[in-house]
Amino acid sequence: MRALVVDALRMDGFAVQEVGDGRNLRVQVTQWVYDLVVSDMRLPLGDGLTVLEDLHDRAPSTRTQMILMTAFADDSVRKRTARVGVVLIEKPFKLSELRAAARRLCETLAP
């Protein structure tokens, strides 16, 4: 799944930095400022939603846009993503849906 998402976003002109687990995701988002962070909910060594919540809570005025992919969305997940402004994409999904969400979110960053 990660390779498909990375390839699709690169084809759309995004510069992509990928990480393989929740621990490295947390490190990257604390060391760098990103326009867009795309994560899966369930990751080795962590939870993508918790990392995105921490990113939002640490710097609520940040312009970092966030997308969370999951096959495990329930009311709790929907409320948590809504609270921090994360776009929730439920699996299974069409890659075109994720690509459109990424483009739409990054268009809001244009000056």
C-alpha atoms as a PDB file:
ATOM      1  CA  MET A   1       0.000   0.000   0.000  1.00  0.00           C
ATOM      2  CA  ARG A   2       2.746   2.457   0.957  1.00  0.00           C
ATOM      3  CA  ALA A   3       4.555   1.999  -2.361  1.00  0.00           C
ATOM      4  CA  LEU A   4       1.354   2.659  -4.326  1.00  0.00           C
ATOM      5  CA  VAL A   5       0.636   5.846  -2.376  1.00  0.00           C
ATOM      6  CA  VAL A   6       4.222   7.078  -2.678  1.00  0.00           C
ATOM      7  CA  ASP A   7       4.324   6.415  -6.427  1.00  0.00           C
ATOM      8  CA  ALA A   8       0.958   8.104  -7.011  1.00  0.00           C
ATOM      9  CA  LEU A   9       1.898  11.219  -5.063  1.00  0.00           C
ATOM     10  CA  ARG A  10       5.264  11.457  -6.817  1.00  0.00           C
ATOM     11  CA  MET A  11       3.500  11.155 -10.189  1.00  0.00           C
ATOM     12  CA  ASP A  12       1.355  14.104  -9.120  1.00  0.00           C
ATOM     13  CA  GLY A  13       4.475  16.172  -8.478  1.00  0.00           C
ATOM     14  CA  PHE A  14       4.729  15.857  -4.713  1.00  0.00           C
ATOM     15  CA  ALA A  15       8.148  15.550  -3.104  1.00  0.00           C
ATOM     16  CA  VAL A  16       7.701  12.503  -0.888  1.00  0.00           C
ATOM     17  CA  GLN A  17       9.642  11.399   2.147  1.00  0.00           C
ATOM     18  CA  GLU A  18       8.498   8.025   3.399  1.00  0.00           C
ATOM     19  CA  VAL A  19       8.921   6.349   6.750  1.00  0.00           C
ATOM     20  CA  GLY A  20       8.057   2.796   7.689  1.00  0.00           C
ATOM     21  CA  ASP A  21       6.751   3.018  11.220  1.00  0.00           C
ATOM     22  CA  GLY A  22       5.093   5.187  13.848  1.00  0.00           C
ATOM     23  CA  ARG A  23       8.294   5.922  15.759  1.00  0.00           C
ATOM     24  CA  ASN A  24      10.044   7.323  12.678  1.00  0.00           C
ATOM     25  CA  LEU A  25       6.910   9.232  11.673  1.00  0.00           C
ATOM     26  CA  ARG A  26       6.898  10.936  15.083  1.00  0.00           C
ATOM     27  CA  VAL A  27      10.596  11.813  14.729  1.00  0.00           C
ATOM     28  CA  GLN A  28      10.137  13.260  11.238  1.00  0.00           C
ATOM     29  CA  VAL A  29       7.121  15.436  12.055  1.00  0.00           C
ATOM     30  CA  THR A  30       8.901  16.875  15.088  1.00  0.00           C
ATOM     31  CA  GLN A  31      12.079  17.690  13.144  1.00  0.00           C
ATOM     32  CA  TRP A  32      10.619  19.035   9.895  1.00  0.00           C
ATOM     33  CA  VAL A  33       7.654  21.090   8.746  1.00  0.00           C
ATOM     34  CA  TYR A  34       5.617  19.368   6.050  1.00  0.00           C
ATOM     35  CA  ASP A  35       2.844  20.693   3.827  1.00  0.00           C
ATOM     36  CA  LEU A  36       1.101  17.330   3.917  1.00  0.00           C
ATOM     37  CA  VAL A  37       1.393  14.222   6.078  1.00  0.00           C
ATOM     38  CA  VAL A  38      -0.284  11.022   4.891  1.00  0.00           C
ATOM     39  CA  SER A  39      -0.390   8.142   7.339  1.00  0.00           C
ATOM     40  CA  ASP A  40      -2.058   4.842   7.918  1.00  0.00           C
ATOM     41  CA  MET A  41      -3.837   4.387  11.224  1.00  0.00           C
ATOM     42  CA  ARG A  42      -2.119   1.151  12.151  1.00  0.00           C
ATOM     43  CA  LEU A  43       1.642   1.285  11.864  1.00  0.00           C
ATOM     44  CA  PRO A  44       4.437  -0.835  13.217  1.00  0.00           C
ATOM     45  CA  LEU A  45       5.723   0.830  16.397  1.00  0.00           C
ATOM     46  CA  GLY A  46       2.877   3.293  16.699  1.00  0.00           C
ATOM     47  CA  ASP A  47      -0.486   4.674  15.796  1.00  0.00           C
ATOM     48  CA  GLY A  48      -0.711   7.128  12.909  1.00  0.00           C
ATOM     49  CA  LEU A  49      -3.714   8.974  14.321  1.00  0.00           C
ATOM     50  CA  THR A  50      -2.020   9.564  17.669  1.00  0.00           C
ATOM     51  CA  VAL A  51       1.017  11.020  15.879  1.00  0.00           C
ATOM     52  CA  LEU A  52      -1.227  13.345  13.833  1.00  0.00           C
ATOM     53  CA  GLU A  53      -3.120  14.408  16.961  1.00  0.00           C
ATOM     54  CA  ASP A  54       0.175  15.184  18.707  1.00  0.00           C
ATOM     55  CA  LEU A  55       1.355  17.177  15.677  1.00  0.00           C
ATOM     56  CA  HIS A  56      -1.834  19.245  15.756  1.00  0.00           C
ATOM     57  CA  ASP A  57      -1.832  19.735  19.526  1.00  0.00           C
ATOM     58  CA  ARG A  58       1.829  20.733  19.602  1.00  0.00           C
ATOM     59  CA  ALA A  59       1.412  23.370  16.914  1.00  0.00           C
ATOM     60  CA  PRO A  60      -2.290  24.023  16.241  1.00  0.00           C
ATOM     61  CA  SER A  61      -1.512  26.996  14.009  1.00  0.00           C
ATOM     62  CA  THR A  62       0.640  24.895  11.700  1.00  0.00           C
ATOM     63  CA  ARG A  63      -0.465  24.742   8.103  1.00  0.00           C
ATOM     64  CA  THR A  64       0.419  21.067   7.833  1.00  0.00           C
ATOM     65  CA  GLN A  65      -2.444  19.233   6.159  1.00  0.00           C
ATOM     66  CA  MET A  66      -3.096  15.640   7.203  1.00  0.00           C
ATOM     67  CA  ILE A  67      -4.665  12.529   5.674  1.00  0.00           C
ATOM     68  CA  LEU A  68      -5.288   9.309   7.594  1.00  0.00           C
ATOM     69  CA  MET A  69      -6.020   6.031   5.823  1.00  0.00           C
ATOM     70  CA  THR A  70      -7.694   3.225   7.732  1.00  0.00           C
ATOM     71  CA  ALA A  71      -9.876   0.174   7.463  1.00  0.00           C
ATOM     72  CA  PHE A  72     -10.788   0.565  11.131  1.00  0.00           C
ATOM     73  CA  ALA A  73     -12.824   3.775  11.249  1.00  0.00           C
ATOM     74  CA  ASP A  74     -15.482   3.908  13.906  1.00  0.00           C
ATOM     75  CA  ASP A  75     -17.250   6.811  15.619  1.00  0.00           C
ATOM     76  CA  SER A  76     -14.293   7.382  17.932  1.00  0.00           C
ATOM     77  CA  VAL A  77     -11.822   7.599  15.039  1.00  0.00           C
ATOM     78  CA  ARG A  78     -14.147   9.902  13.097  1.00  0.00           C
ATOM     79  CA  LYS A  79     -14.461  12.240  16.098  1.00  0.00           C
ATOM     80  CA  ARG A  80     -10.717  12.249  16.737  1.00  0.00           C
ATOM     81  CA  THR A  81      -9.876  13.030  13.101  1.00  0.00           C
ATOM     82  CA  ALA A  82     -12.523  15.760  12.939  1.00  0.00           C
ATOM     83  CA  ARG A  83     -11.157  17.378  16.117  1.00  0.00           C
ATOM     84  CA  VAL A  84      -7.731  17.906  14.574  1.00  0.00           C
ATOM     85  CA  GLY A  85      -8.774  18.512  10.968  1.00  0.00           C
ATOM     86  CA  VAL A  86      -7.496  15.246   9.547  1.00  0.00           C
ATOM     87  CA  VAL A  87      -9.059  14.038   6.291  1.00  0.00           C
ATOM     88  CA  LEU A  88     -10.144  10.449   6.869  1.00  0.00           C
ATOM     89  CA  ILE A  89      -9.965   8.065   3.925  1.00  0.00           C
ATOM     90  CA  GLU A  90     -11.495   4.696   4.631  1.00  0.00           C
ATOM     91  CA  LYS A  91     -10.159   1.503   3.081  1.00  0.00           C
ATOM     92  CA  PRO A  92     -10.817   0.191   0.619  1.00  0.00           C
ATOM     93  CA  PHE A  93     -10.516   3.373  -1.398  1.00  0.00           C
ATOM     94  CA  LYS A  94      -9.629   4.371  -4.911  1.00  0.00           C
ATOM     95  CA  LEU A  95      -6.167   5.818  -5.316  1.00  0.00           C
ATOM     96  CA  SER A  96      -7.773   8.683  -7.240  1.00  0.00           C
ATOM     97  CA  GLU A  97      -9.651   9.606  -4.040  1.00  0.00           C
ATOM     98  CA  LEU A  98      -6.426   9.950  -2.068  1.00  0.00           C
ATOM     99  CA  ARG A  99      -4.733  11.856  -4.893  1.00  0.00           C
ATOM    100  CA  ALA A 100      -7.652  14.285  -5.142  1.00  0.00           C
ATOM    101  CA  ALA A 101      -7.648  14.853  -1.374  1.00  0.00           C
ATOM    102  CA  ALA A 102      -3.903  15.535  -1.385  1.00  0.00           C
ATOM    103  CA  ARG A 103      -4.208  18.043  -4.244  1.00  0.00           C
ATOM    104  CA  ARG A 104      -7.199  19.754  -2.641  1.00  0.00           C
ATOM    105  CA  LEU A 105      -5.478  20.080   0.738  1.00  0.00           C
ATOM    106  CA  CYS A 106      -2.273  21.435  -0.771  1.00  0.00           C
ATOM    107  CA  GLU A 107      -4.183  23.963  -2.876  1.00  0.00           C
ATOM    108  CA  THR A 108      -5.301  25.547   0.394  1.00  0.00           C
ATOM    109  CA  LEU A 109      -1.639  26.236   1.176  1.00  0.00           C
ATOM    110  CA  ALA A 110      -1.070  28.393  -1.893  1.00  0.00           C
ATOM    111  CA  PRO A 111      -0.478  32.049  -0.992  1.00  0.00           C
END
